[in-house]
Protein backbone atom coordinates (compact mmCIF):
# COMPACT_ATOMS: atom_id res chain seq x y z
CA MET A 1 24.09 91.32 2.27
CA SER A 2 26.30 92.68 -0.29
CA LYS A 3 29.53 91.91 -1.96
CA LYS A 4 32.00 94.53 -3.99
CA ILE A 5 32.88 93.12 -7.22
CA THR A 6 36.48 95.03 -8.57
CA LEU A 7 36.85 95.83 -12.16
CA ASN A 8 39.27 97.54 -13.83
CA ILE A 9 39.31 99.15 -16.70
CA GLY A 10 41.22 102.10 -18.67
CA SER A 11 43.66 101.97 -15.27
CA HIS A 12 40.78 102.92 -13.43
CA ASP A 13 39.52 100.25 -10.50
CA PHE A 14 35.40 100.06 -10.79
CA ASP A 15 34.30 98.60 -7.82
CA ILE A 16 30.64 97.30 -8.14
CA ASN A 17 28.57 96.63 -4.65
CA VAL A 18 25.98 93.87 -5.64
CA GLU A 19 23.37 91.48 -3.62
CA GLU A 20 25.39 88.42 -2.73
CA VAL A 21 22.76 85.94 -4.46
CA PHE A 22 23.46 88.28 -7.68
CA ALA A 23 26.95 88.56 -7.70
CA GLU A 24 27.61 84.70 -8.23
CA TYR A 25 25.87 84.95 -11.31
CA LEU A 26 27.41 88.52 -12.48
CA ILE A 27 30.97 87.42 -11.43
CA THR A 28 30.78 83.67 -13.54
CA GLN A 29 29.14 86.35 -16.90
CA MET A 30 31.64 88.96 -16.13
CA THR A 31 34.70 86.93 -16.44
CA LYS A 32 33.90 85.48 -20.09
CA ASP A 33 33.74 89.51 -21.21
CA PHE A 34 36.79 90.45 -18.58
CA ASP A 35 40.21 89.96 -17.41
CA PHE A 36 39.66 90.40 -13.43
CA ASN A 37 43.36 90.13 -13.03
CA GLY A 38 44.79 92.82 -15.41
CA THR A 39 43.59 95.97 -17.27
CA ASN A 40 40.51 96.17 -19.01
CA ASP A 41 40.83 98.14 -22.63
CA ILE A 42 37.81 100.44 -23.24
CA LYS A 43 36.74 98.34 -26.92
CA VAL A 44 36.41 95.39 -23.97
CA LEU A 45 33.85 97.04 -22.42
CA LEU A 46 32.10 98.49 -25.04
CA GLN A 47 32.74 95.11 -26.90
CA SER A 48 30.57 92.80 -23.97
CA TYR A 49 27.83 95.96 -23.78
CA VAL A 50 27.00 94.95 -27.61
CA LYS A 51 27.10 91.44 -27.11
CA LYS A 52 25.58 91.37 -24.29
CA ASN A 53 22.67 93.57 -25.65
CA HIS A 54 22.51 91.31 -28.67
CA GLU A 55 21.55 88.41 -26.47
CA LEU A 56 18.87 90.25 -24.84
CA PHE A 57 17.82 91.28 -28.02
CA MET A 58 17.96 87.26 -28.69
CA GLN A 59 15.92 86.69 -25.88
CA GLU A 60 13.22 89.24 -26.68
CA GLU A 61 12.85 87.66 -30.12
CA LYS A 62 12.38 84.28 -28.67
CA ILE A 63 9.74 85.67 -26.01
CA ASN A 64 8.05 87.47 -28.72
CA LEU A 65 7.96 84.20 -31.13
CA LEU A 66 6.20 81.59 -28.05
CA MET A 67 4.02 84.37 -27.23
CA GLN A 68 2.26 84.66 -30.97
CA LYS A 69 2.50 80.74 -30.82
CA LEU A 70 0.40 80.44 -27.61
CA SER A 71 -2.24 83.42 -28.97
CA LEU A 72 -2.79 80.96 -31.84
């Protein structure tokens, strides 16, 4: 079953349909970066995108380091 999440960016509402299992996690993460009760600037969206990509980069670095240690 899917759940609709609505986020306002630049005075436009965007609906996101995701599986219910993922929805709660996504809402928790998005509330750290966005205001669900108001309008979010496009700059906020860009900052969030860069932040999440940095987090992914750091995770990948940790995984690569662990893989190197395991192959010794």
